[in-house]
Amino acid sequence: MSRPIRGFGALPSFAAAARWQSFTAAADELGVTQAAVSHQIRELEEQLGVKLFQRTARAVRLTASGEILKRAVDGAFEEIAQAMAQLKPTRPSLRVTTPPSFAAKWLVPRLDRFLEQVPDVDVFIDIQNRMTELSGRDTHVAIQFGAGSFPDYQVDRLGDEYIMPVCSPALLNGKRRKPDPRELLKHTLLEVDWHSQGANWPNWETWLDAANLKGVKRGRTVCFAHSSLVIQAAIDGQGIALGDSTLIADDLAAGRLIKPFDLVLRGPRQFAYFLLSRRGLAKDGIESRFRDWLLREITIQPTAKHAPKKAVRNRR
């Protein structure tokens, strides 16, 4: 059995003095007097029978014996700190990796509903456009847009995607009847530059071809890197956007956007939003509860209730 250390209470003073190489600075850190620190270290030296500091008029320096004790004390205090951190109760956390537009237009506006159901959890929204591996160190799920080939994970498809023109009601000047496409298409056309990102996704050329309007004179096209920017530009009245049904759901329901044309394109079947999670999750775990919530929520969004009865399949 190890021998009791009578001067154990002096070790914090020793550690502070060794770190600062100053009894005065150690006293300031510990909130005691310089004399109290000096007295505790002297008692420790007497108990051990060695000098721990070389004292001069202006400074103190560790002796070889002091260096040995410093390494031992620093290591012991670090282990104690780690043990105390493990004992301290922590809130569970969930990391959700998601594309920026899905986060801005769908997930974040609904996140409070999840937190109402699971109030004692911290959430980190991790914005990533590219596929990321799920962390094995913490609770982690990911939402990805793509072809859905993720063999290492539990994969849930979040529904089909439809592409349709949308614009601000102000662009129609309050007119209720459907506008003449030839007139409306003189406005700026807004779209995501998917092709530069290596994805084959419907654009304005695709929609005009399907609407038999390929030769119609039209306004300029403005391309954006993110769908949320396209949608916001349309809300601001800057033009007509090709909107993704999942991302425009709330804005259509709130009247910030309207559909000036009836023609809707069905997105390529292989492309959709997918929720990725680890296989074999505990049913009452945070990841499973988030998965259950998201799958319920995605089925009651406005465009799910008003899905187009007939959509033209993308021929690309």
Protein backbone atom coordinates (compact mmCIF):
# COMPACT_ATOMS: atom_id res chain seq x y z
CA MET A 1 0.00 0.00 0.00
CA SER A 2 1.36 3.46 -0.89
CA ARG A 3 2.51 5.71 1.95
CA PRO A 4 0.13 8.59 2.81
CA ILE A 5 1.38 12.01 1.71
CA ARG A 6 1.03 14.45 4.61
CA GLY A 7 1.71 17.42 2.37
CA PHE A 8 -0.86 16.51 -0.28
CA GLY A 9 -2.63 19.83 0.25
CA ALA A 10 0.55 21.64 -0.80
CA LEU A 11 0.63 20.03 -4.25
CA PRO A 12 -1.66 22.63 -5.95
CA SER A 13 0.65 25.38 -4.67
CA PHE A 14 3.69 23.47 -5.90
CA ALA A 15 2.12 22.86 -9.33
CA ALA A 16 1.21 26.53 -9.76
CA ALA A 17 4.62 27.74 -8.64
CA ALA A 18 6.35 25.25 -10.94
CA ARG A 19 4.20 26.35 -13.86
CA TRP A 20 4.78 30.07 -13.30
CA GLN A 21 8.30 29.83 -11.86
CA SER A 22 7.04 32.36 -9.36
CA PHE A 23 5.52 32.14 -5.88
CA THR A 24 3.78 35.49 -6.38
CA ALA A 25 2.11 34.46 -9.67
CA ALA A 26 1.10 31.13 -8.10
CA ALA A 27 -0.49 33.01 -5.18
CA ASP A 28 -2.45 35.23 -7.60
CA GLU A 29 -3.75 32.16 -9.47
CA LEU A 30 -4.80 30.38 -6.27
CA GLY A 31 -6.21 33.45 -4.54
CA VAL A 32 -3.93 33.21 -1.51
CA THR A 33 -0.95 35.16 -0.23
CA GLN A 34 2.59 34.72 -1.46
CA ALA A 35 3.61 33.81 2.09
CA ALA A 36 1.05 30.97 2.17
CA VAL A 37 2.45 29.47 -1.05
CA SER A 38 6.03 29.78 0.22
CA HIS A 39 5.09 28.17 3.54
CA GLN A 40 3.32 25.18 1.88
CA ILE A 41 6.24 24.50 -0.45
CA ARG A 42 8.73 24.71 2.42
CA GLU A 43 6.70 22.14 4.37
CA LEU A 44 6.63 19.88 1.31
CA GLU A 45 10.41 20.16 0.95
CA GLU A 46 10.89 19.30 4.63
CA GLN A 47 8.66 16.23 4.31
CA LEU A 48 10.50 14.98 1.20
CA GLY A 49 13.94 15.96 2.46
CA VAL A 50 14.90 17.64 -0.84
CA LYS A 51 14.94 21.12 -2.29
CA LEU A 52 12.28 21.61 -4.99
CA PHE A 53 13.19 25.19 -5.97
CA GLN A 54 16.36 27.22 -6.25
CA ARG A 55 15.47 30.59 -4.72
CA THR A 56 17.12 33.84 -5.81
CA ALA A 57 16.29 37.44 -5.10
CA ARG A 58 14.31 37.82 -8.34
CA ALA A 59 13.02 34.36 -9.26
CA VAL A 60 12.65 30.70 -8.35
CA ARG A 61 13.67 27.78 -10.51
CA LEU A 62 12.93 24.09 -10.25
CA THR A 63 15.70 21.80 -9.10
CA ALA A 64 16.22 18.35 -10.62
CA SER A 65 14.07 16.93 -7.81
CA GLY A 66 11.45 19.59 -8.50
CA GLU A 67 11.34 18.60 -12.19
CA ILE A 68 10.66 14.98 -11.21
CA LEU A 69 7.83 15.96 -8.89
CA LYS A 70 6.39 18.41 -11.44
CA ARG A 71 6.05 15.67 -14.07
CA ALA A 72 4.34 13.38 -11.58
CA VAL A 73 1.98 16.06 -10.25
CA ASP A 74 1.03 17.33 -13.74
CA GLY A 75 0.25 13.78 -14.86
CA ALA A 76 -1.81 13.06 -11.75
CA PHE A 77 -3.81 16.29 -12.05
CA GLU A 78 -4.51 15.53 -15.74
CA GLU A 79 -5.83 12.06 -14.86
CA ILE A 80 -8.00 13.56 -12.11
CA ALA A 81 -9.39 16.15 -14.55
CA GLN A 82 -10.24 13.43 -17.09
CA ALA A 83 -11.94 11.33 -14.43
CA MET A 84 -13.99 14.29 -13.24
CA ALA A 85 -15.04 15.04 -16.82
CA GLN A 86 -16.28 11.46 -17.17
CA LEU A 87 -18.23 11.68 -13.93
CA LYS A 88 -19.90 14.96 -14.90
CA PRO A 89 -23.32 14.35 -16.51
CA THR A 90 -23.41 15.45 -20.15
CA ARG A 91 -26.27 16.16 -22.50
CA PRO A 92 -26.58 13.84 -25.50
CA SER A 93 -25.77 15.45 -28.82
CA LEU A 94 -26.63 14.77 -32.45
CA ARG A 95 -24.62 15.80 -35.49
CA VAL A 96 -26.66 16.22 -38.68
CA THR A 97 -24.69 16.59 -41.90
CA THR A 98 -26.81 18.15 -44.63
CA PRO A 99 -26.52 20.09 -47.90
CA PRO A 100 -26.84 23.86 -47.34
CA SER A 101 -30.07 24.34 -49.31
CA PHE A 102 -31.86 21.47 -47.57
CA ALA A 103 -30.77 22.89 -44.23
CA ALA A 104 -31.93 26.42 -45.06
CA LYS A 105 -35.23 25.66 -46.80
CA TRP A 106 -36.43 22.48 -45.08
CA LEU A 107 -34.57 21.27 -42.00
CA VAL A 108 -33.89 24.41 -39.98
CA PRO A 109 -37.46 25.81 -40.29
CA ARG A 110 -38.73 22.52 -38.78
CA LEU A 111 -35.95 21.80 -36.29
CA ASP A 112 -37.87 23.24 -33.34
CA ARG A 113 -40.49 20.50 -33.83
CA PHE A 114 -37.84 17.84 -33.31
CA LEU A 115 -36.44 19.66 -30.27
CA GLU A 116 -39.91 19.82 -28.75
CA GLN A 117 -40.06 16.02 -28.91
CA VAL A 118 -36.44 15.53 -27.76
CA PRO A 119 -35.70 18.59 -25.60
CA ASP A 120 -32.61 17.27 -23.79
CA VAL A 121 -30.32 17.03 -26.81
CA ASP A 122 -27.75 19.36 -28.35
CA VAL A 123 -27.80 19.49 -32.17
CA PHE A 124 -24.94 20.42 -34.49
CA ILE A 125 -25.98 21.20 -38.08
CA ASP A 126 -22.95 20.30 -40.19
CA ILE A 127 -23.18 21.86 -43.67
CA GLN A 128 -21.59 19.69 -46.36
CA ASN A 129 -22.39 19.38 -50.06
CA ARG A 130 -20.40 16.20 -50.60
CA MET A 131 -20.85 12.76 -49.12
CA THR A 132 -19.28 12.42 -45.69
CA GLU A 133 -18.63 9.30 -43.63
CA LEU A 134 -20.70 8.97 -40.48
CA SER A 135 -18.54 9.51 -37.43
CA GLY A 136 -18.08 6.47 -35.22
CA ARG A 137 -17.26 8.62 -32.18
CA ASP A 138 -20.59 10.41 -31.76
CA THR A 139 -24.26 10.23 -32.73
CA HIS A 140 -24.32 11.22 -36.38
CA VAL A 141 -26.77 11.08 -39.29
CA ALA A 142 -26.47 12.57 -42.77
CA ILE A 143 -28.84 13.86 -45.43
CA GLN A 144 -27.46 13.53 -48.94
CA PHE A 145 -28.69 14.43 -52.39
CA GLY A 146 -27.64 12.00 -55.06
CA ALA A 147 -28.15 8.60 -56.57
CA GLY A 148 -28.71 6.77 -53.28
CA SER A 149 -25.85 4.29 -53.49
CA PHE A 150 -24.67 4.06 -49.88
CA PRO A 151 -24.15 0.34 -49.16
CA ASP A 152 -22.56 0.81 -45.73
CA TYR A 153 -25.54 2.57 -44.14
CA GLN A 154 -29.24 2.39 -43.44
CA VAL A 155 -30.72 4.44 -46.31
CA ASP A 156 -34.16 6.08 -46.34
CA ARG A 157 -35.35 7.78 -49.52
CA LEU A 158 -37.14 11.03 -48.71
CA GLY A 159 -39.60 10.94 -51.59
CA ASP A 160 -39.62 11.85 -55.28
CA GLU A 161 -38.52 15.22 -56.59
CA TYR A 162 -40.52 17.41 -58.96
CA ILE A 163 -39.21 20.44 -60.80
CA MET A 164 -41.52 23.34 -61.63
CA PRO A 165 -41.36 27.04 -62.47
CA VAL A 166 -42.14 29.32 -59.52
CA CYS A 167 -42.11 33.07 -59.05
CA SER A 168 -43.21 35.83 -56.73
CA PRO A 169 -46.91 36.81 -56.98
CA ALA A 170 -45.69 40.37 -57.56
CA LEU A 171 -44.28 39.26 -60.89
CA LEU A 172 -47.86 38.69 -62.14
CA ASN A 173 -49.10 42.04 -60.82
CA GLY A 174 -51.96 40.36 -58.99
CA LYS A 175 -53.37 38.60 -62.08
CA ARG A 176 -55.21 35.41 -61.21
CA ARG A 177 -55.36 33.80 -64.63
CA LYS A 178 -52.44 31.82 -65.97
CA PRO A 179 -50.14 34.14 -67.92
CA ASP A 180 -49.09 33.68 -71.52
CA PRO A 181 -45.78 31.78 -71.32
CA ARG A 182 -44.36 33.87 -74.14
CA GLU A 183 -44.83 37.01 -72.08
CA LEU A 184 -43.70 35.65 -68.73
CA LEU A 185 -40.60 34.01 -70.18
CA LYS A 186 -39.28 37.45 -71.06
CA HIS A 187 -38.36 37.75 -67.39
CA THR A 188 -35.00 36.55 -66.06
CA LEU A 189 -34.88 32.75 -65.72
CA LEU A 190 -33.25 31.44 -62.56
CA GLU A 191 -31.74 27.99 -62.12
CA VAL A 192 -29.08 25.93 -60.35
CA ASP A 193 -25.94 25.21 -62.33
CA TRP A 194 -26.12 21.46 -61.78
CA HIS A 195 -24.23 20.49 -64.92
CA SER A 196 -21.03 22.22 -63.81
CA GLN A 197 -21.32 20.06 -60.68
CA GLY A 198 -21.43 16.86 -62.73
CA ALA A 199 -25.16 16.18 -62.26
CA ASN A 200 -27.71 15.65 -65.03
CA TRP A 201 -30.71 17.55 -63.67
CA PRO A 202 -33.56 19.34 -65.50
CA ASN A 203 -32.84 22.94 -66.38
CA TRP A 204 -34.73 25.61 -68.32
CA GLU A 205 -33.77 24.03 -71.66
CA THR A 206 -35.34 20.78 -70.45
CA TRP A 207 -38.54 22.46 -69.27
CA LEU A 208 -38.96 24.58 -72.44
CA ASP A 209 -38.47 21.51 -74.60
CA ALA A 210 -41.14 19.59 -72.62
CA ALA A 211 -43.51 22.58 -72.89
CA ASN A 212 -42.97 22.86 -76.67
CA LEU A 213 -41.55 26.35 -76.12
CA LYS A 214 -37.99 25.70 -77.15
CA GLY A 215 -37.95 28.40 -79.81
CA VAL A 216 -39.72 31.05 -77.74
CA LYS A 217 -37.80 34.25 -77.15
CA ARG A 218 -36.87 34.45 -73.50
CA GLY A 219 -34.95 36.56 -71.05
CA ARG A 220 -31.48 36.03 -69.72
CA THR A 221 -30.60 33.07 -67.49
CA VAL A 222 -28.93 33.53 -64.11
CA CYS A 223 -27.33 30.44 -62.54
CA PHE A 224 -26.60 29.87 -58.86
CA ALA A 225 -24.52 27.31 -57.00
CA HIS A 226 -27.24 26.55 -54.41
CA SER A 227 -30.97 25.96 -54.73
CA SER A 228 -31.74 28.16 -51.73
CA LEU A 229 -30.25 31.15 -53.57
CA VAL A 230 -32.40 30.46 -56.62
CA ILE A 231 -35.52 30.27 -54.46
CA GLN A 232 -34.68 33.46 -52.58
CA ALA A 233 -34.07 35.34 -55.83
CA ALA A 234 -37.53 34.24 -57.03
CA ILE A 235 -39.14 35.33 -53.74
CA ASP A 236 -37.48 38.72 -54.17
CA GLY A 237 -39.08 39.08 -57.60
CA GLN A 238 -35.86 38.81 -59.57
CA GLY A 239 -37.24 36.29 -62.08
CA ILE A 240 -38.80 32.86 -62.56
CA ALA A 241 -37.03 29.96 -60.90
CA LEU A 242 -37.02 26.25 -61.52
CA GLY A 243 -37.79 24.99 -58.04
CA ASP A 244 -37.23 21.62 -56.39
CA SER A 245 -40.52 20.43 -54.84
CA THR A 246 -38.97 19.61 -51.45
CA LEU A 247 -37.27 22.96 -51.08
CA ILE A 248 -40.12 25.19 -52.31
CA ALA A 249 -42.81 23.46 -50.23
CA ASP A 250 -43.00 26.04 -47.44
CA ASP A 251 -42.76 29.05 -49.75
CA LEU A 252 -45.61 27.77 -51.94
CA ALA A 253 -47.76 27.04 -48.89
CA ALA A 254 -47.11 30.51 -47.45
CA GLY A 255 -47.83 32.28 -50.76
CA ARG A 256 -44.33 33.67 -51.10
CA LEU A 257 -44.10 31.73 -54.36
CA ILE A 258 -46.71 30.66 -56.92
CA LYS A 259 -46.72 28.32 -59.90
CA PRO A 260 -47.32 30.37 -63.06
CA PHE A 261 -47.44 27.24 -65.29
CA ASP A 262 -49.02 23.81 -64.87
CA LEU A 263 -46.22 21.77 -66.43
CA VAL A 264 -44.19 19.90 -63.83
CA LEU A 265 -41.17 17.70 -64.55
CA ARG A 266 -40.43 14.60 -62.54
CA GLY A 267 -36.81 14.54 -61.47
CA PRO A 268 -34.57 11.65 -62.51
CA ARG A 269 -35.75 8.66 -60.50
CA GLN A 270 -32.29 7.83 -59.20
CA PHE A 271 -31.80 11.30 -57.72
CA ALA A 272 -33.42 12.27 -54.43
CA TYR A 273 -32.69 13.29 -50.88
CA PHE A 274 -31.66 10.38 -48.67
CA LEU A 275 -31.25 10.02 -44.93
CA LEU A 276 -28.23 7.97 -43.95
CA SER A 277 -27.78 6.40 -40.54
CA ARG A 278 -25.81 3.52 -39.08
CA ARG A 279 -27.32 0.06 -39.21
CA GLY A 280 -28.62 -1.60 -36.07
CA LEU A 281 -29.40 1.56 -34.12
CA ALA A 282 -31.13 1.28 -30.75
CA LYS A 283 -34.80 2.15 -31.17
CA ASP A 284 -34.73 4.66 -28.33
CA GLY A 285 -31.42 6.25 -29.39
CA ILE A 286 -31.14 9.86 -30.57
CA GLU A 287 -30.33 8.86 -34.16
CA SER A 288 -33.38 6.57 -34.37
CA ARG A 289 -35.64 9.23 -32.88
CA PHE A 290 -34.38 11.79 -35.39
CA ARG A 291 -34.89 9.30 -38.24
CA ASP A 292 -38.46 8.54 -37.13
CA TRP A 293 -39.25 12.24 -36.78
CA LEU A 294 -37.82 13.20 -40.18
CA LEU A 295 -39.63 10.40 -42.03
CA ARG A 296 -42.93 11.47 -40.46
CA GLU A 297 -42.28 15.14 -41.17
CA ILE A 298 -41.35 14.66 -44.81
CA THR A 299 -44.69 12.98 -45.55
CA ILE A 300 -46.79 15.89 -44.26
CA GLN A 301 -44.99 18.75 -45.98
CA PRO A 302 -47.27 20.88 -48.21
CA THR A 303 -46.10 19.58 -51.58
CA ALA A 304 -46.62 16.01 -50.41
CA LYS A 305 -50.29 16.86 -49.94
CA HIS A 306 -50.51 18.55 -53.34
CA ALA A 307 -48.24 16.40 -55.46
CA PRO A 308 -48.88 16.89 -59.18
CA LYS A 309 -51.36 14.43 -60.60
CA LYS A 310 -49.36 14.20 -63.78
CA ALA A 311 -45.74 15.09 -64.25
CA VAL A 312 -43.66 14.87 -67.40
CA ARG A 313 -40.73 12.53 -66.94
CA ASN A 314 -37.37 14.06 -67.59
CA ARG A 315 -36.05 12.63 -70.85
CA ARG A 316 -32.41 13.40 -70.21
